[in-house]
PDB file of N, CA and C in Angstrom:
ATOM      1  N   UNK A   1      94.565  83.844  -0.266  1.00  0.00           N
ATOM      2  CA  UNK A   1      94.605  84.015  -1.628  1.00  0.00           C
ATOM      3  C   UNK A   1      93.803  82.950  -2.397  1.00  0.00           C
ATOM      4  N   UNK A   2      93.762  81.785  -1.824  1.00  0.00           N
ATOM      5  CA  UNK A   2      93.142  80.543  -2.480  1.00  0.00           C
ATOM      6  C   UNK A   2      91.535  80.877  -2.378  1.00  0.00           C
ATOM      7  N   UNK A   3      91.130  81.385  -1.266  1.00  0.00           N
ATOM      8  CA  UNK A   3      89.671  81.613  -1.127  1.00  0.00           C
ATOM      9  C   UNK A   3      89.261  82.713  -1.866  1.00  0.00           C
ATOM     10  N   UNK A   4      89.965  83.902  -2.175  1.00  0.00           N
ATOM     11  CA  UNK A   4      89.709  84.804  -3.098  1.00  0.00           C
ATOM     12  C   UNK A   4      89.452  84.246  -4.498  1.00  0.00           C
ATOM     13  N   UNK A   5      90.007  83.238  -4.887  1.00  0.00           N
ATOM     14  CA  UNK A   5      89.954  82.559  -6.165  1.00  0.00           C
ATOM     15  C   UNK A   5      88.956  81.340  -6.441  1.00  0.00           C
ATOM     16  N   UNK A   6      87.996  81.207  -5.549  1.00  0.00           N
ATOM     17  CA  UNK A   6      86.993  80.272  -5.539  1.00  0.00           C
ATOM     18  C   UNK A   6      85.813  80.525  -6.199  1.00  0.00           C
ATOM     19  N   UNK A   7      85.860  81.242  -7.320  1.00  0.00           N
ATOM     20  CA  UNK A   7      84.626  81.594  -8.039  1.00  0.00           C
ATOM     21  C   UNK A   7      84.494  80.716  -9.270  1.00  0.00           C
ATOM     22  N   UNK A   8      83.954  79.409  -9.084  1.00  0.00           N
ATOM     23  CA  UNK A   8      83.858  78.625 -10.126  1.00  0.00           C
ATOM     24  C   UNK A   8      85.100  78.176 -10.841  1.00  0.00           C
ATOM     25  N   UNK A   9      86.021  77.888  -9.973  1.00  0.00           N
ATOM     26  CA  UNK A   9      87.303  77.477 -10.642  1.00  0.00           C
ATOM     27  C   UNK A   9      87.755  76.061  -9.858  1.00  0.00           C
ATOM     28  N   UNK A  10      88.412  75.281 -10.947  1.00  0.00           N
ATOM     29  CA  UNK A  10      89.081  74.027 -10.435  1.00  0.00           C
ATOM     30  C   UNK A  10      90.188  74.222  -9.658  1.00  0.00           C
ATOM     31  N   UNK A  11      90.758  73.109  -9.192  1.00  0.00           N
ATOM     32  CA  UNK A  11      92.007  73.139  -8.289  1.00  0.00           C
ATOM     33  C   UNK A  11      93.110  73.576  -9.250  1.00  0.00           C
ATOM     34  N   UNK A  12      93.161  72.874 -10.322  1.00  0.00           N
ATOM     35  CA  UNK A  12      94.315  73.419 -11.366  1.00  0.00           C
ATOM     36  C   UNK A  12      94.285  74.929 -11.657  1.00  0.00           C
ATOM     37  N   UNK A  13      93.098  75.496 -11.987  1.00  0.00           N
ATOM     38  CA  UNK A  13      92.875  76.849 -12.158  1.00  0.00           C
ATOM     39  C   UNK A  13      93.397  77.787 -10.914  1.00  0.00           C
ATOM     40  N   UNK A  14      92.898  77.333  -9.709  1.00  0.00           N
ATOM     41  CA  UNK A  14      93.246  78.052  -8.601  1.00  0.00           C
ATOM     42  C   UNK A  14      94.823  77.975  -8.354  1.00  0.00           C
ATOM     43  N   UNK A  15      95.340  76.797  -8.590  1.00  0.00           N
ATOM     44  CA  UNK A  15      96.762  76.623  -8.377  1.00  0.00           C
ATOM     45  C   UNK A  15      97.562  77.430  -9.335  1.00  0.00           C
ATOM     46  N   UNK A  16      97.151  77.626 -10.581  1.00  0.00           N
ATOM     47  CA  UNK A  16      97.915  78.274 -11.682  1.00  0.00           C
ATOM     48  C   UNK A  16      97.842  79.897 -11.248  1.00  0.00           C
ATOM     49  N   UNK A  17      96.624  80.367 -10.874  1.00  0.00           N
ATOM     50  CA  UNK A  17      96.404  81.805 -10.529  1.00  0.00           C
ATOM     51  C   UNK A  17      97.160  82.250  -9.239  1.00  0.00           C
ATOM     52  N   UNK A  18      97.281  81.140  -8.523  1.00  0.00           N
ATOM     53  CA  UNK A  18      97.914  81.610  -6.997  1.00  0.00           C
ATOM     54  C   UNK A  18      99.415  81.350  -6.896  1.00  0.00           C
ATOM     55  N   UNK A  19      99.826  80.326  -7.710  1.00  0.00           N
ATOM     56  CA  UNK A  19     101.241  79.918  -7.684  1.00  0.00           C
ATOM     57  C   UNK A  19     101.438  78.922  -6.617  1.00  0.00           C
ATOM     58  N   UNK A  20     100.348  78.234  -5.982  1.00  0.00           N
ATOM     59  CA  UNK A  20     100.364  77.424  -4.817  1.00  0.00           C
ATOM     60  C   UNK A  20     100.172  76.061  -5.570  1.00  0.00           C
ATOM     61  N   UNK A  21     100.943  74.988  -4.964  1.00  0.00           N
ATOM     62  CA  UNK A  21     100.812  73.590  -5.582  1.00  0.00           C
ATOM     63  C   UNK A  21      99.571  73.155  -5.578  1.00  0.00           C
ATOM     64  N   UNK A  22      99.202  72.356  -6.544  1.00  0.00           N
ATOM     65  CA  UNK A  22      97.824  71.747  -6.635  1.00  0.00           C
ATOM     66  C   UNK A  22      97.464  70.930  -5.318  1.00  0.00           C
ATOM     67  N   UNK A  23      98.416  70.230  -4.893  1.00  0.00           N
ATOM     68  CA  UNK A  23      98.167  69.304  -3.778  1.00  0.00           C
ATOM     69  C   UNK A  23      97.745  70.140  -2.653  1.00  0.00           C
ATOM     70  N   UNK A  24      98.376  71.282  -2.362  1.00  0.00           N
ATOM     71  CA  UNK A  24      98.172  72.079  -1.097  1.00  0.00           C
ATOM     72  C   UNK A  24      96.857  72.784  -1.472  1.00  0.00           C
ATOM     73  N   UNK A  25      96.535  73.187  -2.590  1.00  0.00           N
ATOM     74  CA  UNK A  25      95.297  73.892  -2.942  1.00  0.00           C
ATOM     75  C   UNK A  25      94.128  72.802  -2.507  1.00  0.00           C
ATOM     76  N   UNK A  26      94.383  71.547  -3.063  1.00  0.00           N
ATOM     77  CA  UNK A  26      93.302  70.585  -2.832  1.00  0.00           C
ATOM     78  C   UNK A  26      92.940  70.365  -1.315  1.00  0.00           C
ATOM     79  N   UNK A  27      94.020  70.307  -0.528  1.00  0.00           N
ATOM     80  CA  UNK A  27      93.815  69.875   0.832  1.00  0.00           C
ATOM     81  C   UNK A  27      93.199  71.213   1.581  1.00  0.00           C
ATOM     82  N   UNK A  28      93.523  72.247   1.221  1.00  0.00           N
ATOM     83  CA  UNK A  28      92.862  73.656   1.746  1.00  0.00           C
ATOM     84  C   UNK A  28      91.470  73.681   1.441  1.00  0.00           C
ATOM     85  N   UNK A  29      91.147  73.362   0.093  1.00  0.00           N
ATOM     86  CA  UNK A  29      89.889  73.608  -0.247  1.00  0.00           C
ATOM     87  C   UNK A  29      88.959  72.464   0.317  1.00  0.00           C
ATOM     88  N   UNK A  30      89.433  71.261   0.502  1.00  0.00           N
ATOM     89  CA  UNK A  30      88.546  70.192   1.104  1.00  0.00           C
ATOM     90  C   UNK A  30      88.351  70.661   2.451  1.00  0.00           C
ATOM     91  N   UNK A  31      89.345  71.254   3.283  1.00  0.00           N
ATOM     92  CA  UNK A  31      89.113  71.485   4.698  1.00  0.00           C
ATOM     93  C   UNK A  31      88.062  72.748   4.559  1.00  0.00           C
ATOM     94  N   UNK A  32      88.063  73.583   3.803  1.00  0.00           N
ATOM     95  CA  UNK A  32      87.053  74.718   3.601  1.00  0.00           C
ATOM     96  C   UNK A  32      85.629  74.201   3.260  1.00  0.00           C
ATOM     97  N   UNK A  33      85.713  73.131   2.499  1.00  0.00           N
ATOM     98  CA  UNK A  33      84.358  72.585   2.107  1.00  0.00           C
ATOM     99  C   UNK A  33      83.772  71.743   3.397  1.00  0.00           C
ATOM    100  N   UNK A  34      84.548  71.177   4.173  1.00  0.00           N
ATOM    101  CA  UNK A  34      84.187  70.593   5.435  1.00  0.00           C
ATOM    102  C   UNK A  34      83.640  71.708   6.331  1.00  0.00           C
ATOM    103  N   UNK A  35      84.282  72.814   6.470  1.00  0.00           N
ATOM    104  CA  UNK A  35      83.958  73.850   7.318  1.00  0.00           C
ATOM    105  C   UNK A  35      82.840  74.716   6.943  1.00  0.00           C
ATOM    106  N   UNK A  36      82.429  74.342   5.614  1.00  0.00           N
ATOM    107  CA  UNK A  36      81.236  74.962   5.031  1.00  0.00           C
ATOM    108  C   UNK A  36      81.575  76.417   4.780  1.00  0.00           C
ATOM    109  N   UNK A  37      82.659  76.816   4.435  1.00  0.00           N
ATOM    110  CA  UNK A  37      83.228  78.049   3.862  1.00  0.00           C
ATOM    111  C   UNK A  37      83.111  78.233   2.324  1.00  0.00           C
ATOM    112  N   UNK A  38      83.349  76.905   1.849  1.00  0.00           N
ATOM    113  CA  UNK A  38      83.338  76.853   0.212  1.00  0.00           C
ATOM    114  C   UNK A  38      82.391  75.635  -0.117  1.00  0.00           C
ATOM    115  N   UNK A  39      81.881  75.810  -1.175  1.00  0.00           N
ATOM    116  CA  UNK A  39      81.055  74.602  -1.813  1.00  0.00           C
ATOM    117  C   UNK A  39      81.755  73.954  -3.045  1.00  0.00           C
ATOM    118  N   UNK A  40      81.614  72.774  -3.203  1.00  0.00           N
ATOM    119  CA  UNK A  40      82.265  71.932  -4.373  1.00  0.00           C
ATOM    120  C   UNK A  40      81.076  71.400  -5.218  1.00  0.00           C
ATOM    121  N   UNK A  41      81.200  71.722  -6.394  1.00  0.00           N
ATOM    122  CA  UNK A  41      80.159  71.105  -7.246  1.00  0.00           C
ATOM    123  C   UNK A  41      80.919  70.856  -8.597  1.00  0.00           C
ATOM    124  N   UNK A  42      80.796  69.499  -9.119  1.00  0.00           N
ATOM    125  CA  UNK A  42      81.318  69.158 -10.393  1.00  0.00           C
ATOM    126  C   UNK A  42      82.902  69.589 -10.450  1.00  0.00           C
ATOM    127  N   UNK A  43      83.680  69.013  -9.439  1.00  0.00           N
ATOM    128  CA  UNK A  43      85.151  69.642  -9.199  1.00  0.00           C
ATOM    129  C   UNK A  43      85.480  71.030  -9.397  1.00  0.00           C
ATOM    130  N   UNK A  44      84.375  71.943  -9.102  1.00  0.00           N
ATOM    131  CA  UNK A  44      84.740  73.423  -9.328  1.00  0.00           C
ATOM    132  C   UNK A  44      84.172  73.799  -7.765  1.00  0.00           C
ATOM    133  N   UNK A  45      84.973  74.924  -7.384  1.00  0.00           N
ATOM    134  CA  UNK A  45      84.804  75.386  -5.880  1.00  0.00           C
ATOM    135  C   UNK A  45      84.230  76.823  -6.035  1.00  0.00           C
ATOM    136  N   UNK A  46      83.350  76.904  -4.974  1.00  0.00           N
ATOM    137  CA  UNK A  46      82.594  78.386  -4.961  1.00  0.00           C
ATOM    138  C   UNK A  46      82.651  78.848  -3.530  1.00  0.00           C
ATOM    139  N   UNK A  47      82.787  80.156  -3.436  1.00  0.00           N
ATOM    140  CA  UNK A  47      82.569  80.726  -1.970  1.00  0.00           C
ATOM    141  C   UNK A  47      81.482  81.821  -2.401  1.00  0.00           C
ATOM    142  N   UNK A  48      80.669  82.173  -1.494  1.00  0.00           N
ATOM    143  CA  UNK A  48      79.691  83.086  -1.826  1.00  0.00           C
ATOM    144  C   UNK A  48      80.380  84.555  -1.912  1.00  0.00           C
ATOM    145  N   UNK A  49      79.580  85.582  -2.419  1.00  0.00           N
ATOM    146  CA  UNK A  49      80.263  86.815  -2.705  1.00  0.00           C
ATOM    147  C   UNK A  49      80.934  87.477  -1.548  1.00  0.00           C
ATOM    148  N   UNK A  50      80.247  87.359  -0.571  1.00  0.00           N
ATOM    149  CA  UNK A  50      80.581  88.049   0.804  1.00  0.00           C
ATOM    150  C   UNK A  50      81.988  87.508   1.218  1.00  0.00           C
ATOM    151  N   UNK A  51      82.031  86.214   1.253  1.00  0.00           N
ATOM    152  CA  UNK A  51      83.269  85.505   1.608  1.00  0.00           C
ATOM    153  C   UNK A  51      84.358  85.917   0.693  1.00  0.00           C
ATOM    154  N   UNK A  52      84.292  85.925  -0.668  1.00  0.00           N
ATOM    155  CA  UNK A  52      85.274  86.250  -1.475  1.00  0.00           C
ATOM    156  C   UNK A  52      85.738  87.764  -1.378  1.00  0.00           C
ATOM    157  N   UNK A  53      84.664  88.547  -1.192  1.00  0.00           N
ATOM    158  CA  UNK A  53      84.908  89.959  -0.985  1.00  0.00           C
ATOM    159  C   UNK A  53      85.872  90.224   0.184  1.00  0.00           C
ATOM    160  N   UNK A  54      85.508  89.512   1.384  1.00  0.00           N
ATOM    161  CA  UNK A  54      86.394  89.767   2.585  1.00  0.00           C
ATOM    162  C   UNK A  54      87.862  89.222   2.394  1.00  0.00           C
ATOM    163  N   UNK A  55      87.808  88.172   1.668  1.00  0.00           N
ATOM    164  CA  UNK A  55      89.204  87.535   1.235  1.00  0.00           C
ATOM    165  C   UNK A  55      90.026  88.390   0.530  1.00  0.00           C
ATOM    166  N   UNK A  56      89.414  89.063  -0.468  1.00  0.00           N
ATOM    167  CA  UNK A  56      89.992  90.001  -1.418  1.00  0.00           C
ATOM    168  C   UNK A  56      90.412  91.265  -0.668  1.00  0.00           C
ATOM    169  N   UNK A  57      89.690  91.584   0.428  1.00  0.00           N
ATOM    170  CA  UNK A  57      89.958  92.805   1.109  1.00  0.00           C
ATOM    171  C   UNK A  57      91.085  92.569   1.963  1.00  0.00           C
ATOM    172  N   UNK A  58      91.335  91.403   2.570  1.00  0.00           N
ATOM    173  CA  UNK A  58      92.257  91.062   3.462  1.00  0.00           C
ATOM    174  C   UNK A  58      93.711  90.894   2.617  1.00  0.00           C
ATOM    175  N   UNK A  59      93.508  90.329   1.425  1.00  0.00           N
ATOM    176  CA  UNK A  59      94.652  90.345   0.491  1.00  0.00           C
ATOM    177  C   UNK A  59      95.255  91.727   0.199  1.00  0.00           C
ATOM    178  N   UNK A  60      94.436  92.708  -0.026  1.00  0.00           N
ATOM    179  CA  UNK A  60      94.739  93.863  -0.436  1.00  0.00           C
ATOM    180  C   UNK A  60      95.054  94.944   0.652  1.00  0.00           C
ATOM    181  N   UNK A  61      94.785  94.472   1.876  1.00  0.00           N
ATOM    182  CA  UNK A  61      95.259  95.344   3.032  1.00  0.00           C
ATOM    183  C   UNK A  61      96.749  95.559   3.168  1.00  0.00           C
ATOM    184  N   UNK A  62      97.107  96.575   3.412  1.00  0.00           N
ATOM    185  CA  UNK A  62      98.770  96.949   3.653  1.00  0.00           C
ATOM    186  C   UNK A  62      98.908  96.414   4.892  1.00  0.00           C
ATOM    187  N   UNK A  63     100.144  95.924   5.188  1.00  0.00           N
ATOM    188  CA  UNK A  63     100.525  95.447   6.456  1.00  0.00           C
ATOM    189  C   UNK A  63     100.788  96.612   7.460  1.00  0.00           C
ATOM    190  N   UNK A  64     100.126  96.537   8.644  1.00  0.00           N
ATOM    191  CA  UNK A  64     100.226  97.737   9.622  1.00  0.00           C
ATOM    192  C   UNK A  64     101.717  97.835   9.992  1.00  0.00           C
ATOM    193  N   UNK A  65     102.100  99.193  10.114  1.00  0.00           N
ATOM    194  CA  UNK A  65     103.351  99.230  10.517  1.00  0.00           C
ATOM    195  C   UNK A  65     103.525  99.404  12.193  1.00  0.00           C
ATOM    196  N   UNK A  66     104.156  98.842  12.863  1.00  0.00           N
ATOM    197  CA  UNK A  66     104.357  98.801  14.145  1.00  0.00           C
ATOM    198  C   UNK A  66     105.361  99.523  14.611  1.00  0.00           C
ATOM    199  N   UNK A  67     105.192 100.579  15.563  1.00  0.00           N
ATOM    200  CA  UNK A  67     106.159 101.428  16.101  1.00  0.00           C
ATOM    201  C   UNK A  67     106.495 100.832  17.580  1.00  0.00           C
ATOM    202  N   UNK A  68     107.802 101.021  17.805  1.00  0.00           N
ATOM    203  CA  UNK A  68     108.255 100.650  19.103  1.00  0.00           C
ATOM    204  C   UNK A  68     107.473 101.534  20.249  1.00  0.00           C
ATOM    205  N   UNK A  69     106.839 100.756  21.059  1.00  0.00           N
ATOM    206  CA  UNK A  69     106.155 101.488  22.198  1.00  0.00           C
ATOM    207  C   UNK A  69     106.826 101.946  23.329  1.00  0.00           C
ATOM    208  N   UNK A  70     108.104 101.528  23.174  1.00  0.00           N
ATOM    209  CA  UNK A  70     109.186 101.960  24.483  1.00  0.00           C
ATOM    210  C   UNK A  70     109.702 103.269  24.041  1.00  0.00           C
TER     211      UNK A  70
END
């Protein structure tokens, strides 16, 4: 959810959009910056379009229903 909202947004904006506390958003984004998944510039976070698209796709996927195999 956080990754899908990293299109030129600040921590406060991402927190507001996702409902996740700012502190948690900060720590997650800083980890993603270190992992080079997200870029930070002037306190704004960016993920490339492909990464955001994948994150949005995963958010919109319906949970698979598992049937009992026995």
